[in-house]
Amino acid sequence: MTDRLRAPASVSLVRAALVLLMPVLALAWGHAPPRAVQMAWLLAPAWVVWFWPFQRPWPVLRWGVGVCLLSFVLDAWARAFLQHTYGAAPDSSVVVTAMANATPGESWEYLQSHARQALPWLLAALLSMLALAWALAGPLEQRRVLPGRAWAIGLLVLALLPYALKPSRRLHPAVFWTHWGEQVARLQNEWRDLAHRRQGWIERAQREVEVAGPGPATLVVVLTDSINRDNLQVYGYPRATAPELAAHQARWGAQWVKVEEAWSVDASTVPALASMWLQGPQGEHHVLALARAAGYKVWWISNHDDLAIKNLHGRMADVLDMRNRVPGRSTRSLDDVVLPALQTALDDPSPRKLIVVHVGFHSRLNSQARQINKLRGSEFRTPEAASH
């Protein structure tokens, strides 16, 4: 009689452990530790409701909580696959662009050619979801483990706190993937318009640009975000915040050009870059199109993941190299990831080159300055690192 009573209790304990551990395991694989904690907090209301001390639990709760838990697990394993295979997040430009640009036939070919690569991740997701489904299908009366209704209410209030913050709410799989689908559709619509606009820039530049004379020239433009000139040593800041730039200033002397009175005309990156690269009252000229018409081979090398910048400016270049595949502030990509691409561009034999490097402002910018300084016989101007 005692053994018969213990067996259901042990099974119930296993089910409870799986309800907790299967999502935690998936979150640990699919997210960086701080984000995994944030996602677990978003999932906490489902756990609290599942273990709520109901006298007669409603069957609908089983389905609602089950769908929530399974969505978090599937979301996490999808992210784990993309991060491990491509070093990319689902909402990165490389993934969103690929999905927006893929036909059903191309998608099927991708699945066929990458089936072996994706199989371990599919199996891990399937096994964890099956284990979770088995745990959720247990008898409802065996899961009332919270000590009382007061405890349950307190835990539920605490668990709901992240939903009061919009950045946290947007990470919920139901919200995130809905927005992701809209982003793919929006990008497809933008491409239809931007393709014509880019062609117009190229055709106008070819008609209007006249090359004064032959001769080699290499221009490197470094764009930085989130830095104010008041914090740069070359603008009088007392600390050595950018020692390499200060060394160049001392070495180049009169060749060093420092603009004292210049500001970004916009407060955020996308409109600021538009005002920088688009010229004319209606933005009828793009500087990169003008450069290409003048015989320059153009590179756009970036440590930012932004679809608007990529499609409006990056695609105007002959060579587009987007090094960062995790959008937003959650990225861990340091600016030195652009150095190999920069060196490749500098080594290219084209007589005329325009190389645009878009980075955040890290100490690694000094390393970029050293790399650029190796170029002999080229023209290099350091623009003011104005904050966007």
Protein backbone atom coordinates (compact mmCIF):
# COMPACT_ATOMS: atom_id res chain seq x y z
CA MET A 1 0.00 0.00 0.00
CA THR A 2 2.86 2.34 0.85
CA ASP A 3 4.63 1.60 -2.43
CA ARG A 4 1.47 2.35 -4.38
CA LEU A 5 1.24 5.77 -2.76
CA ARG A 6 4.89 6.60 -3.30
CA ALA A 7 4.95 5.77 -7.00
CA PRO A 8 2.51 8.50 -8.07
CA ALA A 9 4.32 10.98 -5.83
CA SER A 10 7.66 10.22 -7.47
CA VAL A 11 6.13 10.46 -10.95
CA SER A 12 4.57 13.78 -9.99
CA LEU A 13 7.97 15.01 -8.82
CA VAL A 14 9.54 14.02 -12.13
CA ARG A 15 6.80 15.83 -14.05
CA ALA A 16 7.27 18.96 -11.94
CA ALA A 17 11.03 18.84 -12.51
CA LEU A 18 10.57 18.54 -16.28
CA VAL A 19 8.14 21.47 -16.37
CA LEU A 20 10.84 23.58 -14.75
CA LEU A 21 14.01 22.16 -16.27
CA MET A 22 13.09 21.68 -19.95
CA PRO A 23 12.44 25.40 -20.56
CA VAL A 24 15.48 26.36 -18.46
CA LEU A 25 17.71 24.04 -20.50
CA ALA A 26 16.43 25.48 -23.78
CA LEU A 27 16.82 29.05 -22.57
CA ALA A 28 20.39 28.37 -21.48
CA TRP A 29 21.26 27.11 -24.96
CA GLY A 30 19.39 29.77 -26.88
CA HIS A 31 20.32 32.95 -25.02
CA ALA A 32 23.28 34.64 -23.37
CA PRO A 33 23.08 34.31 -19.55
CA PRO A 34 21.58 37.76 -18.81
CA ARG A 35 18.98 37.35 -21.57
CA ALA A 36 18.21 33.78 -20.42
CA VAL A 37 17.39 35.11 -16.94
CA GLN A 38 15.17 37.77 -18.50
CA MET A 39 13.35 35.17 -20.60
CA ALA A 40 12.90 32.89 -17.59
CA TRP A 41 11.31 35.79 -15.74
CA LEU A 42 8.92 36.31 -18.65
CA LEU A 43 8.06 32.62 -18.45
CA ALA A 44 7.57 32.69 -14.66
CA PRO A 45 3.80 33.50 -14.75
CA ALA A 46 3.18 30.26 -16.66
CA TRP A 47 5.08 28.30 -14.01
CA VAL A 48 3.19 30.01 -11.18
CA VAL A 49 -0.18 29.29 -12.79
CA TRP A 50 0.80 25.68 -13.41
CA PHE A 51 1.72 25.09 -9.79
CA TRP A 52 -1.19 27.19 -8.43
CA PRO A 53 -3.01 25.55 -5.49
CA PHE A 54 -6.37 25.19 -7.25
CA GLN A 55 -9.00 22.97 -5.69
CA ARG A 56 -10.34 22.08 -9.14
CA PRO A 57 -7.97 23.27 -11.89
CA TRP A 58 -9.60 24.23 -15.16
CA PRO A 59 -8.48 22.05 -18.08
CA VAL A 60 -8.09 25.19 -20.21
CA LEU A 61 -5.18 26.20 -17.97
CA ARG A 62 -3.32 23.07 -19.06
CA TRP A 63 -3.55 24.14 -22.69
CA GLY A 64 -2.77 27.81 -22.11
CA VAL A 65 0.27 27.15 -19.93
CA GLY A 66 1.39 24.31 -22.19
CA VAL A 67 1.32 26.47 -25.31
CA CYS A 68 3.26 29.21 -23.50
CA LEU A 69 5.97 26.86 -22.23
CA LEU A 70 6.32 25.08 -25.58
CA SER A 71 6.57 28.39 -27.45
CA PHE A 72 9.46 29.51 -25.24
CA VAL A 73 11.22 26.17 -25.74
CA LEU A 74 10.81 26.22 -29.53
CA ASP A 75 11.91 29.87 -29.69
CA ALA A 76 15.04 29.13 -27.65
CA TRP A 77 16.11 26.13 -29.75
CA ALA A 78 15.58 28.07 -32.97
CA ARG A 79 17.82 30.83 -31.60
CA ALA A 80 20.41 28.27 -30.49
CA PHE A 81 20.57 26.79 -34.00
CA LEU A 82 21.02 30.19 -35.66
CA GLN A 83 23.62 31.33 -33.14
CA HIS A 84 25.66 28.13 -33.32
CA THR A 85 25.45 27.75 -37.11
CA TYR A 86 25.61 31.35 -38.33
CA GLY A 87 26.47 33.43 -35.26
CA ALA A 88 23.23 35.30 -35.91
CA ALA A 89 20.04 36.25 -34.08
CA PRO A 90 16.63 35.67 -35.72
CA ASP A 91 16.05 39.40 -36.17
CA SER A 92 19.52 40.10 -37.57
CA SER A 93 19.71 41.56 -41.04
CA VAL A 94 21.36 38.43 -42.44
CA VAL A 95 18.45 36.20 -41.31
CA VAL A 96 15.63 38.63 -42.08
CA THR A 97 17.17 39.43 -45.47
CA ALA A 98 17.55 35.74 -46.32
CA MET A 99 13.93 35.04 -45.40
CA ALA A 100 12.63 38.05 -47.29
CA ASN A 101 14.64 37.08 -50.35
CA ALA A 102 13.87 33.33 -50.32
CA THR A 103 11.37 31.68 -52.63
CA PRO A 104 9.56 28.46 -51.60
CA GLY A 105 11.83 26.52 -53.94
CA GLU A 106 14.97 28.04 -52.41
CA SER A 107 13.68 27.29 -48.92
CA TRP A 108 13.16 23.65 -49.82
CA GLU A 109 16.65 23.44 -51.36
CA TYR A 110 18.10 24.95 -48.18
CA LEU A 111 16.34 22.36 -46.01
CA GLN A 112 17.63 19.56 -48.22
CA SER A 113 21.23 20.78 -48.28
CA HIS A 114 21.40 21.65 -44.56
CA ALA A 115 19.32 18.80 -43.13
CA ARG A 116 22.30 17.06 -41.55
CA GLN A 117 23.52 20.32 -40.01
CA ALA A 118 20.11 21.14 -38.55
CA LEU A 119 19.21 17.59 -37.46
CA PRO A 120 20.88 17.67 -33.99
CA TRP A 121 19.08 20.90 -33.14
CA LEU A 122 15.76 19.59 -34.43
CA LEU A 123 16.17 16.43 -32.35
CA ALA A 124 17.06 18.43 -29.24
CA ALA A 125 14.01 20.64 -29.71
CA LEU A 126 11.75 17.66 -30.40
CA LEU A 127 12.96 15.64 -27.40
CA SER A 128 12.67 18.57 -25.00
CA MET A 129 9.18 19.40 -26.29
CA LEU A 130 8.06 15.75 -26.00
CA ALA A 131 9.39 15.55 -22.44
CA LEU A 132 7.63 18.79 -21.59
CA ALA A 133 4.39 17.61 -23.21
CA TRP A 134 4.50 14.39 -21.17
CA ALA A 135 5.04 16.40 -17.99
CA LEU A 136 2.19 18.79 -18.80
CA ALA A 137 -0.17 15.91 -19.53
CA GLY A 138 0.02 14.61 -15.94
CA PRO A 139 -2.98 14.59 -13.60
CA LEU A 140 -3.91 18.13 -12.66
CA GLU A 141 -4.39 17.36 -9.00
CA GLN A 142 -0.80 16.14 -8.62
CA ARG A 143 0.83 19.49 -9.35
CA ARG A 144 -0.45 21.67 -6.50
CA VAL A 145 2.91 22.27 -4.87
CA LEU A 146 2.69 25.94 -3.87
CA PRO A 147 2.09 26.23 -0.11
CA GLY A 148 -0.99 28.43 -0.32
CA ARG A 149 -2.98 31.01 -2.25
CA ALA A 150 -1.23 33.99 -0.61
CA TRP A 151 2.16 32.67 -1.70
CA ALA A 152 0.80 32.04 -5.17
CA ILE A 153 -0.57 35.58 -5.51
CA GLY A 154 2.70 37.11 -4.32
CA LEU A 155 4.75 35.02 -6.74
CA LEU A 156 2.40 35.86 -9.61
CA VAL A 157 2.69 39.61 -8.99
CA LEU A 158 6.48 39.30 -8.92
CA ALA A 159 6.46 37.19 -12.09
CA LEU A 160 4.34 39.74 -13.97
CA LEU A 161 6.72 42.65 -13.36
CA PRO A 162 8.67 42.26 -16.66
CA TYR A 163 5.42 42.65 -18.60
CA ALA A 164 5.22 46.24 -17.36
CA LEU A 165 8.33 47.07 -19.45
CA LYS A 166 8.01 47.27 -23.22
CA PRO A 167 11.57 46.04 -23.98
CA SER A 168 10.85 42.90 -21.97
CA ARG A 169 7.41 42.33 -23.48
CA ARG A 170 8.87 42.45 -26.98
CA LEU A 171 11.01 39.40 -26.18
CA HIS A 172 7.98 37.19 -25.57
CA PRO A 173 7.87 34.65 -28.44
CA ALA A 174 4.29 35.54 -29.38
CA VAL A 175 5.23 39.21 -29.70
CA PHE A 176 8.72 38.70 -31.11
CA TRP A 177 7.79 36.34 -33.94
CA THR A 178 4.72 38.35 -34.89
CA HIS A 179 6.94 41.41 -35.21
CA TRP A 180 9.54 39.29 -37.04
CA GLY A 181 7.00 38.27 -39.68
CA GLU A 182 5.94 41.88 -40.11
CA GLN A 183 9.60 42.87 -40.46
CA VAL A 184 10.14 40.34 -43.26
CA ALA A 185 7.03 41.54 -45.10
CA ARG A 186 7.99 45.19 -44.62
CA LEU A 187 11.47 44.53 -45.97
CA GLN A 188 10.03 42.88 -49.07
CA ASN A 189 7.89 45.96 -49.69
CA GLU A 190 10.83 48.31 -49.09
CA TRP A 191 12.97 46.40 -51.57
CA ARG A 192 10.46 47.00 -54.31
CA ASP A 193 10.81 50.77 -53.79
CA LEU A 194 14.53 50.93 -52.92
CA ALA A 195 15.60 48.89 -55.94
CA HIS A 196 14.19 51.59 -58.23
CA ARG A 197 15.61 54.34 -56.06
CA ARG A 198 19.12 52.86 -56.05
CA GLN A 199 19.00 52.43 -59.83
CA GLY A 200 17.96 56.07 -60.15
CA TRP A 201 20.95 57.21 -58.07
CA ILE A 202 23.33 55.16 -60.22
CA GLU A 203 21.90 56.42 -63.53
CA ARG A 204 21.94 60.08 -62.46
CA ALA A 205 25.51 59.77 -61.21
CA GLN A 206 26.66 58.22 -64.48
CA ARG A 207 25.08 61.07 -66.42
CA GLU A 208 26.40 63.91 -64.28
CA VAL A 209 29.83 62.87 -62.97
CA GLU A 210 32.92 63.88 -64.92
CA VAL A 211 36.33 62.62 -63.88
CA ALA A 212 38.91 65.43 -63.91
CA GLY A 213 41.89 63.18 -64.49
CA PRO A 214 43.43 59.79 -63.79
CA GLY A 215 45.35 58.90 -60.69
CA PRO A 216 45.19 56.58 -57.72
CA ALA A 217 43.32 57.53 -54.58
CA THR A 218 42.23 55.65 -51.49
CA LEU A 219 39.71 57.20 -49.11
CA VAL A 220 38.79 55.58 -45.79
CA VAL A 221 35.78 56.97 -43.95
CA VAL A 222 35.28 55.74 -40.37
CA LEU A 223 31.80 56.33 -38.97
CA THR A 224 31.30 55.99 -35.23
CA ASP A 225 28.20 55.96 -33.05
CA SER A 226 27.51 57.12 -29.50
CA ILE A 227 30.56 59.26 -28.91
CA ASN A 228 30.74 62.97 -28.20
CA ARG A 229 33.76 65.01 -29.23
CA ASP A 230 33.85 66.50 -25.73
CA ASN A 231 35.18 63.11 -24.57
CA LEU A 232 37.98 62.91 -27.13
CA GLN A 233 41.54 63.84 -26.28
CA VAL A 234 42.11 65.53 -29.66
CA TYR A 235 39.29 67.96 -28.81
CA GLY A 236 40.80 68.93 -25.47
CA TYR A 237 39.53 66.22 -23.12
CA PRO A 238 42.20 65.82 -20.40
CA ARG A 239 42.25 61.99 -20.36
CA ALA A 240 43.94 59.93 -23.06
CA THR A 241 40.72 58.46 -24.44
CA ALA A 242 42.01 58.00 -28.01
CA PRO A 243 45.83 57.95 -27.85
CA GLU A 244 46.31 56.68 -31.42
CA LEU A 245 44.33 59.58 -32.85
CA ALA A 246 46.38 61.99 -30.76
CA ALA A 247 49.57 60.34 -32.05
CA HIS A 248 48.38 60.76 -35.64
CA GLN A 249 47.58 64.40 -34.97
CA ALA A 250 51.10 65.00 -33.72
CA ARG A 251 52.73 63.04 -36.55
CA TRP A 252 50.75 64.44 -39.47
CA GLY A 253 50.95 68.07 -38.40
CA ALA A 254 49.43 70.33 -41.05
CA GLN A 255 47.92 67.35 -42.88
CA TRP A 256 45.67 66.67 -39.93
CA VAL A 257 42.25 68.29 -40.38
CA LYS A 258 40.10 68.73 -37.29
CA VAL A 259 36.64 70.24 -37.68
CA GLU A 260 35.76 72.27 -34.62
CA GLU A 261 32.20 73.39 -35.34
CA ALA A 262 30.27 70.41 -36.71
CA TRP A 263 27.27 68.52 -35.43
CA SER A 264 25.07 65.73 -36.62
CA VAL A 265 21.85 67.14 -38.04
CA ASP A 266 19.81 64.27 -36.59
CA ALA A 267 19.60 62.62 -33.20
CA SER A 268 19.67 58.96 -34.27
CA THR A 269 21.83 56.88 -36.59
CA VAL A 270 19.52 56.11 -39.53
CA PRO A 271 18.44 59.71 -40.32
CA ALA A 272 21.94 61.00 -39.53
CA LEU A 273 23.48 58.69 -42.13
CA ALA A 274 20.79 59.63 -44.63
CA SER A 275 21.64 63.31 -44.22
CA MET A 276 25.33 62.43 -44.65
CA TRP A 277 25.12 60.30 -47.80
CA LEU A 278 22.06 61.69 -49.62
CA GLN A 279 22.56 65.01 -51.36
CA GLY A 280 20.15 67.40 -53.04
CA PRO A 281 16.82 68.89 -51.94
CA GLN A 282 15.00 65.59 -52.48
CA GLY A 283 17.92 63.25 -51.86
CA GLU A 284 18.31 62.71 -55.59
CA HIS A 285 22.05 61.96 -55.31
CA HIS A 286 23.82 59.32 -53.26
CA VAL A 287 27.49 59.97 -52.50
CA LEU A 288 28.40 56.32 -53.01
CA ALA A 289 26.76 56.31 -56.44
CA LEU A 290 28.73 59.44 -57.33
CA ALA A 291 31.94 57.76 -56.17
CA ARG A 292 31.28 54.68 -58.27
CA ALA A 293 30.56 56.83 -61.31
CA ALA A 294 33.92 58.57 -60.71
CA GLY A 295 35.70 55.22 -60.92
CA TYR A 296 35.97 54.33 -57.23
CA LYS A 297 35.46 50.80 -56.03
CA VAL A 298 33.30 51.16 -52.91
CA TRP A 299 33.26 49.02 -49.75
CA TRP A 300 30.73 49.20 -46.93
CA ILE A 301 32.13 47.38 -43.89
CA SER A 302 29.98 47.47 -40.78
CA ASN A 303 29.86 46.24 -37.20
CA HIS A 304 26.20 47.27 -37.02
CA ASP A 305 23.20 45.13 -37.86
CA ASP A 306 20.58 47.46 -39.24
CA LEU A 307 18.31 46.66 -42.16
CA ALA A 308 17.59 50.29 -43.01
CA ILE A 309 21.28 51.21 -43.21
CA LYS A 310 22.13 48.03 -45.08
CA ASN A 311 19.49 48.54 -47.76
CA LEU A 312 19.71 52.30 -48.11
CA HIS A 313 23.50 52.68 -48.06
CA GLY A 314 25.30 49.35 -47.82
CA ARG A 315 23.78 47.95 -51.01
CA MET A 316 25.11 50.96 -52.93
CA ALA A 317 28.65 49.62 -52.42
CA ASP A 318 30.45 47.22 -54.73
CA VAL A 319 31.39 45.15 -51.69
CA LEU A 320 29.01 44.86 -48.73
CA ASP A 321 30.42 43.20 -45.60
CA MET A 322 28.12 43.21 -42.55
CA ARG A 323 30.20 41.70 -39.74
CA ASN A 324 27.65 41.89 -36.93
CA ARG A 325 24.74 39.46 -36.97
CA VAL A 326 23.09 40.31 -33.66
CA PRO A 327 21.00 43.49 -33.73
CA GLY A 328 20.47 45.99 -30.93
CA ARG A 329 22.32 46.53 -27.69
CA SER A 330 22.50 42.82 -26.88
CA THR A 331 25.33 42.33 -29.37
CA ARG A 332 28.78 41.39 -28.10
CA SER A 333 30.57 42.09 -31.37
CA LEU A 334 33.61 44.30 -30.78
CA ASP A 335 34.80 46.62 -33.48
CA ASP A 336 37.94 44.68 -34.25
CA VAL A 337 35.79 42.25 -36.28
CA VAL A 338 35.98 44.77 -39.14
CA LEU A 339 39.80 44.68 -39.33
CA PRO A 340 40.19 41.64 -41.63
CA ALA A 341 37.68 43.10 -44.10
CA LEU A 342 39.38 46.49 -43.87
CA GLN A 343 42.77 44.94 -44.59
CA THR A 344 41.34 43.07 -47.57
CA ALA A 345 39.96 46.31 -48.96
CA LEU A 346 43.27 48.12 -48.43
CA ASP A 347 45.11 45.31 -50.23
CA ASP A 348 42.76 45.36 -53.21
CA PRO A 349 44.63 46.42 -56.41
CA SER A 350 41.91 48.82 -57.60
CA PRO A 351 43.51 52.25 -58.24
CA ARG A 352 40.60 54.16 -56.70
CA LYS A 353 38.92 52.96 -53.54
CA LEU A 354 36.37 54.38 -51.12
CA ILE A 355 36.16 52.31 -47.95
CA VAL A 356 33.40 53.08 -45.45
CA VAL A 357 33.83 51.48 -42.02
CA HIS A 358 30.84 51.81 -39.68
CA VAL A 359 31.63 50.96 -36.06
CA GLY A 360 30.74 51.81 -32.50
CA PHE A 361 33.43 53.73 -30.62
CA HIS A 362 35.53 51.20 -28.70
CA SER A 363 39.18 51.23 -27.82
CA ARG A 364 39.56 48.92 -30.82
CA LEU A 365 39.24 52.00 -33.06
CA ASN A 366 42.88 52.65 -32.21
CA SER A 367 43.75 49.31 -33.77
CA GLN A 368 41.88 50.35 -36.90
CA ALA A 369 43.90 53.56 -37.03
CA ARG A 370 47.11 51.53 -36.90
CA GLN A 371 45.91 49.34 -39.75
CA ILE A 372 44.93 52.33 -41.88
CA ASN A 373 48.24 54.01 -41.15
CA LYS A 374 50.06 51.12 -42.83
CA LEU A 375 48.68 52.19 -46.17
CA ARG A 376 51.37 54.08 -48.09
CA GLY A 377 50.73 56.82 -50.57
CA SER A 378 47.04 57.08 -49.74
CA GLU A 379 44.85 59.92 -48.59
CA PHE A 380 43.20 59.50 -45.21
CA ARG A 381 41.00 61.97 -43.38
CA THR A 382 39.62 61.37 -39.90
CA PRO A 383 36.11 62.87 -39.65
CA GLU A 384 34.86 64.24 -36.40
CA ALA A 385 33.37 61.47 -34.29
CA ALA A 386 30.16 63.35 -33.63
CA SER A 387 27.42 61.70 -31.61
CA HIS A 388 24.33 60.67 -33.50
